[in-house]
Amino acid sequence: MILFQRLDKFLWCARFASTRSSCAEMAQSGLVRINRQPTDKPHARIRIGDVLTLPLYSGVRVIEVLALAERRGSAPEAQMLYRTVSETAS
Protein backbone atom coordinates (compact mmCIF):
# COMPACT_ATOMS: atom_id res chain seq x y z
CA MET A 1 0.00 0.00 0.00
CA ILE A 2 1.32 3.41 -0.98
CA LEU A 3 1.29 5.98 1.84
CA PHE A 4 2.42 9.01 -0.17
CA GLN A 5 3.31 9.91 -3.75
CA ARG A 6 5.16 12.65 -5.58
CA LEU A 7 2.90 15.44 -6.80
CA ASP A 8 4.08 15.24 -10.42
CA LYS A 9 3.60 11.48 -10.54
CA PHE A 10 0.07 11.72 -9.10
CA LEU A 11 -0.90 14.41 -11.63
CA TRP A 12 0.46 12.22 -14.44
CA CYS A 13 -1.30 9.05 -13.20
CA ALA A 14 -4.55 11.02 -12.78
CA ARG A 15 -4.13 12.27 -16.38
CA PHE A 16 -4.08 16.01 -15.74
CA ALA A 17 -1.33 16.27 -18.38
CA SER A 18 -0.05 13.93 -21.06
CA THR A 19 3.58 13.80 -19.89
CA ARG A 20 5.18 13.67 -16.47
CA SER A 21 7.47 16.57 -17.38
CA SER A 22 4.37 18.69 -18.10
CA CYS A 23 3.08 17.79 -14.64
CA ALA A 24 6.43 18.78 -13.12
CA GLU A 25 6.30 22.14 -14.95
CA MET A 26 2.76 22.71 -13.63
CA ALA A 27 4.03 22.13 -10.09
CA GLN A 28 7.11 24.31 -10.61
CA SER A 29 4.93 27.21 -11.76
CA GLY A 30 4.01 27.79 -8.10
CA LEU A 31 0.29 27.83 -8.87
CA VAL A 32 -0.51 24.36 -7.51
CA ARG A 33 -1.71 24.25 -3.91
CA ILE A 34 -1.75 21.30 -1.53
CA ASN A 35 -4.25 21.79 1.30
CA ARG A 36 -4.32 25.53 0.49
CA GLN A 37 -0.53 25.81 0.78
CA PRO A 38 1.28 26.86 -2.42
CA THR A 39 4.08 24.61 -3.62
CA ASP A 40 6.63 24.85 -6.40
CA LYS A 41 8.09 21.39 -5.82
CA PRO A 42 7.24 18.53 -8.19
CA HIS A 43 8.56 16.16 -5.51
CA ALA A 44 6.10 17.42 -2.86
CA ARG A 45 4.45 14.48 -1.08
CA ILE A 46 0.72 14.03 -1.30
CA ARG A 47 -1.43 11.62 0.67
CA ILE A 48 -4.97 10.30 0.46
CA GLY A 49 -7.32 13.01 1.71
CA ASP A 50 -5.18 15.94 0.50
CA VAL A 51 -6.97 18.67 -1.43
CA LEU A 52 -5.18 19.97 -4.55
CA THR A 53 -5.93 23.23 -6.32
CA LEU A 54 -4.84 22.99 -9.96
CA PRO A 55 -4.55 25.70 -12.62
CA LEU A 56 -5.78 24.08 -15.84
CA TYR A 57 -6.49 25.53 -19.28
CA SER A 58 -10.23 25.25 -18.66
CA GLY A 59 -9.99 27.05 -15.29
CA VAL A 60 -9.12 26.31 -11.69
CA ARG A 61 -10.00 22.85 -10.41
CA VAL A 62 -10.06 21.71 -6.79
CA ILE A 63 -9.83 17.97 -6.21
CA GLU A 64 -9.60 15.63 -3.25
CA VAL A 65 -7.16 12.72 -3.51
CA LEU A 66 -9.04 9.44 -3.00
CA ALA A 67 -6.32 6.95 -3.96
CA LEU A 68 -2.70 6.77 -5.11
CA ALA A 69 -1.65 4.84 -8.21
CA GLU A 70 1.36 2.60 -8.68
CA ARG A 71 1.19 3.08 -12.45
CA ARG A 72 -0.65 5.14 -15.03
CA GLY A 73 -3.83 3.38 -16.09
CA SER A 74 -6.76 4.07 -18.36
CA ALA A 75 -8.89 7.21 -18.14
CA PRO A 76 -11.66 5.49 -16.11
CA GLU A 77 -9.01 4.22 -13.65
CA ALA A 78 -7.52 7.72 -13.42
CA GLN A 79 -10.90 9.25 -12.55
CA MET A 80 -11.16 6.91 -9.56
CA LEU A 81 -8.04 8.51 -8.01
CA TYR A 82 -9.75 11.81 -7.18
CA ARG A 83 -13.05 13.59 -6.60
CA THR A 84 -13.76 17.07 -7.91
CA VAL A 85 -14.58 19.45 -5.07
CA SER A 86 -15.15 22.51 -7.26
CA GLU A 87 -14.35 23.82 -10.69
CA THR A 88 -14.34 27.42 -11.92
CA ALA A 89 -14.17 28.55 -15.53
CA SER A 90 -11.69 31.23 -16.49
PDB file of N, CA and C in Angstrom:
ATOM      1  N   MET A   1       0.835  -1.185   0.000  1.00  0.00           N
ATOM      2  CA  MET A   1       0.000   0.000   0.000  1.00  0.00           C
ATOM      3  C   MET A   1       0.876   1.243   0.000  1.00  0.00           C
ATOM      4  N   ILE A   2       0.561   2.165  -0.860  1.00  0.00           N
ATOM      5  CA  ILE A   2       1.322   3.408  -0.980  1.00  0.00           C
ATOM      6  C   ILE A   2       0.799   4.401   0.052  1.00  0.00           C
ATOM      7  N   LEU A   3       1.693   5.000   0.839  1.00  0.00           N
ATOM      8  CA  LEU A   3       1.294   5.984   1.843  1.00  0.00           C
ATOM      9  C   LEU A   3       1.359   7.411   1.318  1.00  0.00           C
ATOM     10  N   PHE A   4       2.301   7.682   0.428  1.00  0.00           N
ATOM     11  CA  PHE A   4       2.420   9.006  -0.172  1.00  0.00           C
ATOM     12  C   PHE A   4       2.978   8.858  -1.580  1.00  0.00           C
ATOM     13  N   GLN A   5       2.850   9.942  -2.363  1.00  0.00           N
ATOM     14  CA  GLN A   5       3.310   9.911  -3.748  1.00  0.00           C
ATOM     15  C   GLN A   5       3.767  11.305  -4.142  1.00  0.00           C
ATOM     16  N   ARG A   6       4.707  11.361  -5.058  1.00  0.00           N
ATOM     17  CA  ARG A   6       5.164  12.652  -5.580  1.00  0.00           C
ATOM     18  C   ARG A   6       4.010  13.346  -6.292  1.00  0.00           C
ATOM     19  N   LEU A   7       3.956  14.651  -6.165  1.00  0.00           N
ATOM     20  CA  LEU A   7       2.904  15.441  -6.798  1.00  0.00           C
ATOM     21  C   LEU A   7       2.889  15.255  -8.304  1.00  0.00           C
ATOM     22  N   ASP A   8       4.053  15.354  -8.956  1.00  0.00           N
ATOM     23  CA  ASP A   8       4.078  15.241 -10.420  1.00  0.00           C
ATOM     24  C   ASP A   8       3.637  13.851 -10.888  1.00  0.00           C
ATOM     25  N   LYS A   9       4.003  12.823 -10.151  1.00  0.00           N
ATOM     26  CA  LYS A   9       3.596  11.476 -10.544  1.00  0.00           C
ATOM     27  C   LYS A   9       2.089  11.288 -10.372  1.00  0.00           C
ATOM     28  N   PHE A  10       1.514  11.827  -9.283  1.00  0.00           N
ATOM     29  CA  PHE A  10       0.069  11.716  -9.101  1.00  0.00           C
ATOM     30  C   PHE A  10      -0.668  12.440 -10.231  1.00  0.00           C
ATOM     31  N   LEU A  11      -0.233  13.646 -10.558  1.00  0.00           N
ATOM     32  CA  LEU A  11      -0.901  14.406 -11.630  1.00  0.00           C
ATOM     33  C   LEU A  11      -0.829  13.660 -12.951  1.00  0.00           C
ATOM     34  N   TRP A  12       0.284  12.996 -13.204  1.00  0.00           N
ATOM     35  CA  TRP A  12       0.456  12.223 -14.444  1.00  0.00           C
ATOM     36  C   TRP A  12      -0.441  10.985 -14.419  1.00  0.00           C
ATOM     37  N   CYS A  13      -0.452  10.254 -13.306  1.00  0.00           N
ATOM     38  CA  CYS A  13      -1.299   9.055 -13.196  1.00  0.00           C
ATOM     39  C   CYS A  13      -2.785   9.410 -13.270  1.00  0.00           C
ATOM     40  N   ALA A  14      -3.157  10.585 -12.761  1.00  0.00           N
ATOM     41  CA  ALA A  14      -4.546  11.025 -12.784  1.00  0.00           C
ATOM     42  C   ALA A  14      -4.902  11.698 -14.115  1.00  0.00           C
ATOM     43  N   ARG A  15      -3.939  11.767 -15.014  1.00  0.00           N
ATOM     44  CA  ARG A  15      -4.129  12.275 -16.376  1.00  0.00           C
ATOM     45  C   ARG A  15      -4.516  13.744 -16.459  1.00  0.00           C
ATOM     46  N   PHE A  16      -3.880  14.574 -15.631  1.00  0.00           N
ATOM     47  CA  PHE A  16      -4.080  16.014 -15.736  1.00  0.00           C
ATOM     48  C   PHE A  16      -3.166  16.625 -16.790  1.00  0.00           C
ATOM     49  N   ALA A  17      -2.198  15.871 -17.267  1.00  0.00           N
ATOM     50  CA  ALA A  17      -1.333  16.270 -18.378  1.00  0.00           C
ATOM     51  C   ALA A  17      -0.848  14.992 -19.050  1.00  0.00           C
ATOM     52  N   SER A  18      -0.420  15.121 -20.301  1.00  0.00           N
ATOM     53  CA  SER A  18      -0.053  13.928 -21.062  1.00  0.00           C
ATOM     54  C   SER A  18       1.351  13.408 -20.761  1.00  0.00           C
ATOM     55  N   THR A  19       2.228  14.259 -20.218  1.00  0.00           N
ATOM     56  CA  THR A  19       3.578  13.802 -19.887  1.00  0.00           C
ATOM     57  C   THR A  19       3.903  14.162 -18.432  1.00  0.00           C
ATOM     58  N   ARG A  20       4.789  13.402 -17.857  1.00  0.00           N
ATOM     59  CA  ARG A  20       5.181  13.669 -16.471  1.00  0.00           C
ATOM     60  C   ARG A  20       5.954  14.974 -16.378  1.00  0.00           C
ATOM     61  N   SER A  21       6.729  15.307 -17.408  1.00  0.00           N
ATOM     62  CA  SER A  21       7.469  16.572 -17.378  1.00  0.00           C
ATOM     63  C   SER A  21       6.509  17.762 -17.414  1.00  0.00           C
ATOM     64  N   SER A  22       5.386  17.631 -18.100  1.00  0.00           N
ATOM     65  CA  SER A  22       4.368  18.693 -18.097  1.00  0.00           C
ATOM     66  C   SER A  22       3.779  18.856 -16.699  1.00  0.00           C
ATOM     67  N   CYS A  23       3.587  17.745 -16.013  1.00  0.00           N
ATOM     68  CA  CYS A  23       3.078  17.789 -14.641  1.00  0.00           C
ATOM     69  C   CYS A  23       4.103  18.453 -13.718  1.00  0.00           C
ATOM     70  N   ALA A  24       5.376  18.162 -13.924  1.00  0.00           N
ATOM     71  CA  ALA A  24       6.434  18.783 -13.124  1.00  0.00           C
ATOM     72  C   ALA A  24       6.474  20.288 -13.374  1.00  0.00           C
ATOM     73  N   GLU A  25       6.316  20.704 -14.627  1.00  0.00           N
ATOM     74  CA  GLU A  25       6.301  22.136 -14.950  1.00  0.00           C
ATOM     75  C   GLU A  25       5.103  22.831 -14.298  1.00  0.00           C
ATOM     76  N   MET A  26       3.949  22.151 -14.276  1.00  0.00           N
ATOM     77  CA  MET A  26       2.762  22.711 -13.627  1.00  0.00           C
ATOM     78  C   MET A  26       3.057  22.954 -12.149  1.00  0.00           C
ATOM     79  N   ALA A  27       3.692  21.988 -11.504  1.00  0.00           N
ATOM     80  CA  ALA A  27       4.026  22.126 -10.085  1.00  0.00           C
ATOM     81  C   ALA A  27       5.064  23.233  -9.869  1.00  0.00           C
ATOM     82  N   GLN A  28       6.059  23.310 -10.744  1.00  0.00           N
ATOM     83  CA  GLN A  28       7.114  24.312 -10.608  1.00  0.00           C
ATOM     84  C   GLN A  28       6.622  25.726 -10.852  1.00  0.00           C
ATOM     85  N   SER A  29       5.470  25.876 -11.483  1.00  0.00           N
ATOM     86  CA  SER A  29       4.927  27.210 -11.757  1.00  0.00           C
ATOM     87  C   SER A  29       4.566  27.935 -10.465  1.00  0.00           C
ATOM     88  N   GLY A  30       4.368  27.187  -9.379  1.00  0.00           N
ATOM     89  CA  GLY A  30       4.010  27.791  -8.104  1.00  0.00           C
ATOM     90  C   GLY A  30       2.524  28.034  -7.951  1.00  0.00           C
ATOM     91  N   LEU A  31       1.729  27.604  -8.910  1.00  0.00           N
ATOM     92  CA  LEU A  31       0.286  27.834  -8.872  1.00  0.00           C
ATOM     93  C   LEU A  31      -0.503  26.664  -8.291  1.00  0.00           C
ATOM     94  N   VAL A  32       0.150  25.524  -8.093  1.00  0.00           N
ATOM     95  CA  VAL A  32      -0.513  24.362  -7.507  1.00  0.00           C
ATOM     96  C   VAL A  32      -0.497  24.523  -5.993  1.00  0.00           C
ATOM     97  N   ARG A  33      -1.624  24.187  -5.368  1.00  0.00           N
ATOM     98  CA  ARG A  33      -1.712  24.253  -3.910  1.00  0.00           C
ATOM     99  C   ARG A  33      -2.073  22.876  -3.361  1.00  0.00           C
ATOM    100  N   ILE A  34      -1.442  22.529  -2.246  1.00  0.00           N
ATOM    101  CA  ILE A  34      -1.751  21.297  -1.528  1.00  0.00           C
ATOM    102  C   ILE A  34      -2.315  21.712  -0.182  1.00  0.00           C
ATOM    103  N   ASN A  35      -3.572  21.378   0.058  1.00  0.00           N
ATOM    104  CA  ASN A  35      -4.246  21.785   1.298  1.00  0.00           C
ATOM    105  C   ASN A  35      -4.104  23.289   1.542  1.00  0.00           C
ATOM    106  N   ARG A  36      -4.350  24.058   0.493  1.00  0.00           N
ATOM    107  CA  ARG A  36      -4.317  25.526   0.490  1.00  0.00           C
ATOM    108  C   ARG A  36      -2.926  26.132   0.607  1.00  0.00           C
ATOM    109  N   GLN A  37      -1.901  25.309   0.677  1.00  0.00           N
ATOM    110  CA  GLN A  37      -0.534  25.813   0.780  1.00  0.00           C
ATOM    111  C   GLN A  37       0.130  25.760  -0.593  1.00  0.00           C
ATOM    112  N   PRO A  38       0.637  26.891  -1.103  1.00  0.00           N
ATOM    113  CA  PRO A  38       1.279  26.863  -2.419  1.00  0.00           C
ATOM    114  C   PRO A  38       2.557  26.032  -2.389  1.00  0.00           C
ATOM    115  N   THR A  39       2.841  25.389  -3.503  1.00  0.00           N
ATOM    116  CA  THR A  39       4.082  24.615  -3.621  1.00  0.00           C
ATOM    117  C   THR A  39       4.659  24.833  -5.009  1.00  0.00           C
ATOM    118  N   ASP A  40       5.960  24.778  -5.106  1.00  0.00           N
ATOM    119  CA  ASP A  40       6.633  24.852  -6.403  1.00  0.00           C
ATOM    120  C   ASP A  40       7.554  23.641  -6.564  1.00  0.00           C
ATOM    121  N   LYS A  41       7.244  22.584  -5.817  1.00  0.00           N
ATOM    122  CA  LYS A  41       8.091  21.389  -5.817  1.00  0.00           C
ATOM    123  C   LYS A  41       7.361  20.212  -6.451  1.00  0.00           C
ATOM    124  N   PRO A  42       7.851  19.712  -7.588  1.00  0.00           N
ATOM    125  CA  PRO A  42       7.245  18.529  -8.186  1.00  0.00           C
ATOM    126  C   PRO A  42       7.362  17.300  -7.284  1.00  0.00           C
ATOM    127  N   HIS A  43       8.348  17.304  -6.390  1.00  0.00           N
ATOM    128  CA  HIS A  43       8.560  16.159  -5.510  1.00  0.00           C
ATOM    129  C   HIS A  43       7.790  16.273  -4.192  1.00  0.00           C
ATOM    130  N   ALA A  44       6.904  17.275  -4.072  1.00  0.00           N
ATOM    131  CA  ALA A  44       6.102  17.416  -2.858  1.00  0.00           C
ATOM    132  C   ALA A  44       5.286  16.140  -2.644  1.00  0.00           C
ATOM    133  N   ARG A  45       5.177  15.716  -1.406  1.00  0.00           N
ATOM    134  CA  ARG A  45       4.454  14.477  -1.081  1.00  0.00           C
ATOM    135  C   ARG A  45       2.972  14.772  -0.906  1.00  0.00           C
ATOM    136  N   ILE A  46       2.158  13.939  -1.521  1.00  0.00           N
ATOM    137  CA  ILE A  46       0.723  14.032  -1.297  1.00  0.00           C
ATOM    138  C   ILE A  46       0.237  12.711  -0.722  1.00  0.00           C
ATOM    139  N   ARG A  47      -0.850  12.793   0.010  1.00  0.00           N
ATOM    140  CA  ARG A  47      -1.433  11.625   0.670  1.00  0.00           C
ATOM    141  C   ARG A  47      -2.925  11.572   0.359  1.00  0.00           C
ATOM    142  N   ILE A  48      -3.528  10.438   0.612  1.00  0.00           N
ATOM    143  CA  ILE A  48      -4.970  10.299   0.460  1.00  0.00           C
ATOM    144  C   ILE A  48      -5.636  11.286   1.418  1.00  0.00           C
ATOM    145  N   GLY A  49      -6.618  12.014   0.906  1.00  0.00           N
ATOM    146  CA  GLY A  49      -7.322  13.014   1.708  1.00  0.00           C
ATOM    147  C   GLY A  49      -6.846  14.430   1.456  1.00  0.00           C
ATOM    148  N   ASP A  50      -5.666  14.596   0.831  1.00  0.00           N
ATOM    149  CA  ASP A  50      -5.183  15.937   0.502  1.00  0.00           C
ATOM    150  C   ASP A  50      -6.089  16.585  -0.534  1.00  0.00           C
ATOM    151  N   VAL A  51      -6.187  17.903  -0.469  1.00  0.00           N
ATOM    152  CA  VAL A  51      -6.969  18.671  -1.431  1.00  0.00           C
ATOM    153  C   VAL A  51      -5.989  19.467  -2.282  1.00  0.00           C
ATOM    154  N   LEU A  52      -6.065  19.286  -3.604  1.00  0.00           N
ATOM    155  CA  LEU A  52      -5.177  19.966  -4.550  1.00  0.00           C
ATOM    156  C   LEU A  52      -5.956  21.019  -5.324  1.00  0.00           C
ATOM    157  N   THR A  53      -5.368  22.186  -5.485  1.00  0.00           N
ATOM    158  CA  THR A  53      -5.925  23.235  -6.325  1.00  0.00           C
ATOM    159  C   THR A  53      -5.027  23.329  -7.552  1.00  0.00           C
ATOM    160  N   LEU A  54      -5.617  23.111  -8.730  1.00  0.00           N
ATOM    161  CA  LEU A  54      -4.841  22.988  -9.960  1.00  0.00           C
ATOM    162  C   LEU A  54      -5.243  24.054 -10.974  1.00  0.00           C
ATOM    163  N   PRO A  55      -4.252  24.756 -11.546  1.00  0.00           N
ATOM    164  CA  PRO A  55      -4.552  25.700 -12.625  1.00  0.00           C
ATOM    165  C   PRO A  55      -4.549  24.941 -13.957  1.00  0.00           C
ATOM    166  N   LEU A  56      -5.686  24.787 -14.561  1.00  0.00           N
ATOM    167  CA  LEU A  56      -5.781  24.083 -15.842  1.00  0.00           C
ATOM    168  C   LEU A  56      -6.230  25.063 -16.923  1.00  0.00           C
ATOM    169  N   TYR A  57      -6.097  24.662 -18.176  1.00  0.00           N
ATOM    170  CA  TYR A  57      -6.485  25.533 -19.279  1.00  0.00           C
ATOM    171  C   TYR A  57      -7.961  25.911 -19.211  1.00  0.00           C
ATOM    172  N   SER A  58      -8.784  25.010 -18.723  1.00  0.00           N
ATOM    173  CA  SER A  58     -10.227  25.255 -18.657  1.00  0.00           C
ATOM    174  C   SER A  58     -10.630  26.067 -17.428  1.00  0.00           C
ATOM    175  N   GLY A  59      -9.718  26.300 -16.507  1.00  0.00           N
ATOM    176  CA  GLY A  59      -9.992  27.052 -15.288  1.00  0.00           C
ATOM    177  C   GLY A  59      -9.321  26.413 -14.092  1.00  0.00           C
ATOM    178  N   VAL A  60      -9.693  26.850 -12.921  1.00  0.00           N
ATOM    179  CA  VAL A  60      -9.120  26.311 -11.690  1.00  0.00           C
ATOM    180  C   VAL A  60      -9.974  25.130 -11.239  1.00  0.00           C
ATOM    181  N   ARG A  61      -9.298  24.063 -10.842  1.00  0.00           N
ATOM    182  CA  ARG A  61     -10.004  22.853 -10.415  1.00  0.00           C
ATOM    183  C   ARG A  61      -9.491  22.445  -9.050  1.00  0.00           C
ATOM    184  N   VAL A  62     -10.409  22.157  -8.135  1.00  0.00           N
ATOM    185  CA  VAL A  62     -10.063  21.713  -6.787  1.00  0.00           C
ATOM    186  C   VAL A  62     -10.498  20.266  -6.666  1.00  0.00           C
ATOM    187  N   ILE A  63      -9.539  19.401  -6.303  1.00  0.00           N
ATOM    188  CA  ILE A  63      -9.830  17.972  -6.211  1.00  0.00           C
ATOM    189  C   ILE A  63      -9.372  17.427  -4.862  1.00  0.00           C
ATOM    190  N   GLU A  64     -10.014  16.357  -4.435  1.00  0.00           N
ATOM    191  CA  GLU A  64      -9.600  15.628  -3.245  1.00  0.00           C
ATOM    192  C   GLU A  64      -8.997  14.305  -3.688  1.00  0.00           C
ATOM    193  N   VAL A  65      -7.839  13.960  -3.164  1.00  0.00           N
ATOM    194  CA  VAL A  65      -7.156  12.716  -3.506  1.00  0.00           C
ATOM    195  C   VAL A  65      -7.851  11.566  -2.789  1.00  0.00           C
ATOM    196  N   LEU A  66      -8.353  10.601  -3.562  1.00  0.00           N
ATOM    197  CA  LEU A  66      -9.044   9.438  -2.997  1.00  0.00           C
ATOM    198  C   LEU A  66      -8.159   8.191  -2.955  1.00  0.00           C
ATOM    199  N   ALA A  67      -7.198   8.116  -3.888  1.00  0.00           N
ATOM    200  CA  ALA A  67      -6.317   6.951  -3.965  1.00  0.00           C
ATOM    201  C   ALA A  67      -5.022   7.359  -4.651  1.00  0.00           C
ATOM    202  N   LEU A  68      -3.988   6.558  -4.458  1.00  0.00           N
ATOM    203  CA  LEU A  68      -2.699   6.767  -5.107  1.00  0.00           C
ATOM    204  C   LEU A  68      -2.457   5.599  -6.051  1.00  0.00           C
ATOM    205  N   ALA A  69      -1.853   5.877  -7.191  1.00  0.00           N
ATOM    206  CA  ALA A  69      -1.648   4.843  -8.209  1.00  0.00           C
ATOM    207  C   ALA A  69      -0.198   4.399  -8.258  1.00  0.00           C
ATOM    208  N   GLU A  70       0.002   3.120  -8.504  1.00  0.00           N
ATOM    209  CA  GLU A  70       1.356   2.604  -8.675  1.00  0.00           C
ATOM    210  C   GLU A  70       1.831   2.796 -10.113  1.00  0.00           C
ATOM    211  N   ARG A  71       0.851   2.877 -11.036  1.00  0.00           N
ATOM    212  CA  ARG A  71       1.188   3.076 -12.448  1.00  0.00           C
ATOM    213  C   ARG A  71       0.078   3.870 -13.107  1.00  0.00           C
ATOM    214  N   ARG A  72       0.345   4.385 -14.289  1.00  0.00           N
ATOM    215  CA  ARG A  72      -0.653   5.136 -15.029  1.00  0.00           C
ATOM    216  C   ARG A  72      -1.576   4.165 -15.748  1.00  0.00           C
ATOM    217  N   GLY A  73      -2.853   4.285 -15.496  1.00  0.00           N
ATOM    218  CA  GLY A  73      -3.829   3.384 -16.086  1.00  0.00           C
ATOM    219  C   GLY A  73      -4.699   4.099 -17.106  1.00  0.00           C
ATOM    220  N   SER A  74      -5.820   3.502 -17.393  1.00  0.00           N
ATOM    221  CA  SER A  74      -6.763   4.068 -18.361  1.00  0.00           C
ATOM    222  C   SER A  74      -7.465   5.292 -17.766  1.00  0.00           C
ATOM    223  N   ALA A  75      -8.178   6.024 -18.598  1.00  0.00           N
ATOM    224  CA  ALA A  75      -8.892   7.210 -18.139  1.00  0.00           C
ATOM    225  C   ALA A  75      -9.921   6.886 -17.054  1.00  0.00           C
ATOM    226  N   PRO A  76     -10.724   5.817 -17.198  1.00  0.00           N
ATOM    227  CA  PRO A  76     -11.656   5.490 -16.105  1.00  0.00           C
ATOM    228  C   PRO A  76     -10.941   5.170 -14.791  1.00  0.00           C
ATOM    229  N   GLU A  77      -9.793   4.498 -14.865  1.00  0.00           N
ATOM    230  CA  GLU A  77      -9.013   4.217 -13.654  1.00  0.00           C
ATOM    231  C   GLU A  77      -8.492   5.516 -13.050  1.00  0.00           C
ATOM    232  N   ALA A  78      -8.061   6.444 -13.892  1.00  0.00           N
ATOM    233  CA  ALA A  78      -7.524   7.719 -13.417  1.00  0.00           C
ATOM    234  C   ALA A  78      -8.590   8.530 -12.698  1.00  0.00           C
ATOM    235  N   GLN A  79      -9.822   8.488 -13.171  1.00  0.00           N
ATOM    236  CA  GLN A  79     -10.903   9.255 -12.546  1.00  0.00           C
ATOM    237  C   GLN A  79     -11.274   8.709 -11.172  1.00  0.00           C
ATOM    238  N   MET A  80     -10.886   7.500 -10.876  1.00  0.00           N
ATOM    239  CA  MET A  80     -11.160   6.914  -9.559  1.00  0.00           C
ATOM    240  C   MET A  80     -10.139   7.366  -8.509  1.00  0.00           C
ATOM    241  N   LEU A  81      -9.079   8.056  -8.937  1.00  0.00           N
ATOM    242  CA  LEU A  81      -8.045   8.506  -8.011  1.00  0.00           C
ATOM    243  C   LEU A  81      -8.430   9.781  -7.268  1.00  0.00           C
ATOM    244  N   TYR A  82      -9.413  10.523  -7.773  1.00  0.00           N
ATOM    245  CA  TYR A  82      -9.751  11.808  -7.180  1.00  0.00           C
ATOM    246  C   TYR A  82     -11.243  12.094  -7.315  1.00  0.00           C
ATOM    247  N   ARG A  83     -11.679  13.094  -6.549  1.00  0.00           N
ATOM    248  CA  ARG A  83     -13.047  13.589  -6.599  1.00  0.00           C
ATOM    249  C   ARG A  83     -12.972  15.098  -6.772  1.00  0.00           C
ATOM    250  N   THR A  84     -13.745  15.632  -7.699  1.00  0.00           N
ATOM    251  CA  THR A  84     -13.763  17.072  -7.914  1.00  0.00           C
ATOM    252  C   THR A  84     -14.573  17.731  -6.810  1.00  0.00           C
ATOM    253  N   VAL A  85     -13.929  18.685  -6.136  1.00  0.00           N
ATOM    254  CA  VAL A  85     -14.583  19.448  -5.068  1.00  0.00           C
ATOM    255  C   VAL A  85     -15.274  20.650  -5.692  1.00  0.00           C
ATOM    256  N   SER A  86     -14.558  21.379  -6.552  1.00  0.00           N
ATOM    257  CA  SER A  86     -15.145  22.511  -7.260  1.00  0.00           C
ATOM    258  C   SER A  86     -14.343  22.795  -8.521  1.00  0.00           C
ATOM    259  N   GLU A  87     -14.983  23.493  -9.426  1.00  0.00           N
ATOM    260  CA  GLU A  87     -14.350  23.822 -10.695  1.00  0.00           C
ATOM    261  C   GLU A  87     -14.866  25.185 -11.109  1.00  0.00           C
ATOM    262  N   THR A  88     -13.941  26.096 -11.472  1.00  0.00           N
ATOM    263  CA  THR A  88     -14.344  27.418 -11.925  1.00  0.00           C
ATOM    264  C   THR A  88     -13.789  27.663 -13.309  1.00  0.00           C
ATOM    265  N   ALA A  89     -14.598  28.237 -14.162  1.00  0.00           N
ATOM    266  CA  ALA A  89     -14.167  28.554 -15.526  1.00  0.00           C
ATOM    267  C   ALA A  89     -13.420  29.867 -15.526  1.00  0.00           C
ATOM    268  N   SER A  90     -12.434  29.975 -16.407  1.00  0.00           N
ATOM    269  CA  SER A  90     -11.694  31.235 -16.487  1.00  0.00           C
ATOM    270  C   SER A  90     -12.157  32.062 -17.649  1.00  0.00           C
TER     271      SER A  90
END
